[in-house]
């Protein structure tokens, strides 16, 4: 059974504000992906924050996962940031022990 992307978003959104702060995002990543450096976490948070307002809205969070579903592994390996996103995606799936359903 896949975990709906909205549920994953709520896990990241610790203060239930409807947006994920960079700190909230990095806290969850730190919990589930121990091998991720501070620089990598900041980079992934910056990639997810498409409009650069310091917050990750649901549509930006969804985009973090949607991009990966349209690429095969060889394309991902050629894109450093996409490859890092793939690692985050993998660890999130592993942490929740389920797939993530990105359909809304």
Protein backbone atom coordinates (compact mmCIF):
# COMPACT_ATOMS: atom_id res chain seq x y z
CA UNK A 1 0.00 0.00 0.00
CA UNK A 2 1.30 3.43 -0.92
CA UNK A 3 1.31 6.33 1.49
CA UNK A 4 -0.46 9.33 -0.07
CA UNK A 5 1.89 12.23 -0.76
CA UNK A 6 -0.33 14.51 1.34
CA UNK A 7 0.33 12.30 4.38
CA UNK A 8 4.08 12.45 3.75
CA UNK A 9 3.78 16.25 3.49
CA UNK A 10 2.00 16.38 6.85
CA UNK A 11 4.82 14.43 8.47
CA UNK A 12 7.31 17.04 7.27
CA UNK A 13 5.00 19.91 8.26
CA UNK A 14 5.65 19.58 12.01
CA UNK A 15 3.85 22.78 12.99
CA UNK A 16 0.83 21.98 10.78
CA UNK A 17 1.09 25.37 9.05
CA UNK A 18 0.40 24.01 5.57
CA UNK A 19 3.99 24.80 4.55
CA UNK A 20 7.30 23.16 5.35
CA UNK A 21 10.05 25.38 6.66
CA UNK A 22 13.63 24.63 5.71
CA UNK A 23 14.26 23.61 9.34
CA UNK A 24 11.27 21.21 9.36
CA UNK A 25 12.41 19.70 6.07
CA UNK A 26 15.97 19.23 7.24
CA UNK A 27 14.87 17.77 10.60
CA UNK A 28 12.92 14.98 8.89
CA UNK A 29 15.71 14.32 6.38
CA UNK A 30 18.19 14.18 9.27
CA UNK A 31 16.00 11.62 11.04
CA UNK A 32 15.57 9.31 8.06
CA UNK A 33 18.83 9.80 6.15
CA UNK A 34 21.76 9.79 8.56
CA UNK A 35 24.33 9.91 5.74
CA UNK A 36 23.11 13.26 4.45
CA UNK A 37 25.45 16.18 5.11
CA UNK A 38 24.19 19.62 6.11
CA UNK A 39 25.17 20.94 2.69
CA UNK A 40 23.20 18.16 0.96
CA UNK A 41 20.12 18.79 3.12
CA UNK A 42 20.30 22.51 2.39
CA UNK A 43 20.69 21.82 -1.32
CA UNK A 44 17.68 19.49 -1.40
CA UNK A 45 15.61 22.02 0.57
CA UNK A 46 16.67 24.76 -1.84
CA UNK A 47 15.78 22.60 -4.84
CA UNK A 48 12.36 21.85 -3.36
CA UNK A 49 11.74 25.56 -2.62
CA UNK A 50 11.10 26.48 -6.25
CA UNK A 51 9.88 30.03 -5.56
CA UNK A 52 12.72 30.73 -3.09
CA UNK A 53 10.43 32.07 -0.37
CA UNK A 54 12.06 29.92 2.34
CA UNK A 55 9.05 27.60 2.58
CA UNK A 56 8.09 24.45 0.73
CA UNK A 57 4.44 24.47 -0.29
CA UNK A 58 2.61 21.27 -1.17
CA UNK A 59 2.95 21.78 -4.93
CA UNK A 60 6.72 22.22 -4.54
CA UNK A 61 6.92 19.11 -2.33
CA UNK A 62 4.94 17.15 -4.90
CA UNK A 63 7.33 18.36 -7.60
CA UNK A 64 10.26 16.96 -5.64
CA UNK A 65 8.82 13.48 -6.15
CA UNK A 66 7.05 13.96 -9.49
CA UNK A 67 10.27 14.84 -11.30
CA UNK A 68 11.77 11.50 -10.35
CA UNK A 69 8.90 9.48 -11.74
CA UNK A 70 9.55 10.78 -15.26
CA UNK A 71 13.27 9.86 -15.28
CA UNK A 72 15.02 6.55 -15.58
CA UNK A 73 18.07 5.72 -13.46
CA UNK A 74 20.60 6.67 -16.14
CA UNK A 75 19.05 10.14 -16.48
CA UNK A 76 19.04 10.58 -12.71
CA UNK A 77 22.70 9.59 -12.38
CA UNK A 78 23.60 12.25 -14.95
CA UNK A 79 21.92 14.97 -12.92
CA UNK A 80 23.63 15.59 -9.60
CA UNK A 81 20.67 17.32 -7.97
CA UNK A 82 18.19 14.78 -9.33
CA UNK A 83 20.40 11.97 -8.04
CA UNK A 84 20.43 13.55 -4.59
CA UNK A 85 16.66 13.91 -4.78
CA UNK A 86 16.45 10.21 -5.68
CA UNK A 87 18.46 9.36 -2.54
CA UNK A 88 16.10 11.43 -0.40
CA UNK A 89 13.10 9.78 -2.08
CA UNK A 90 14.59 6.33 -1.42
CA UNK A 91 15.19 7.05 2.26
CA UNK A 92 11.75 8.55 2.73
CA UNK A 93 10.15 5.45 1.21
CA UNK A 94 12.39 3.24 3.35
CA UNK A 95 11.59 5.18 6.53
CA UNK A 96 7.86 4.89 6.00
CA UNK A 97 8.21 1.27 4.78
CA UNK A 98 5.74 1.96 1.98
CA UNK A 99 5.65 3.49 -1.45
CA UNK A 100 4.55 7.07 -1.94
CA UNK A 101 1.50 7.74 -4.06
CA UNK A 102 2.00 11.09 -5.79
CA UNK A 103 -1.47 11.23 -7.32
CA UNK A 104 -3.69 13.76 -5.63
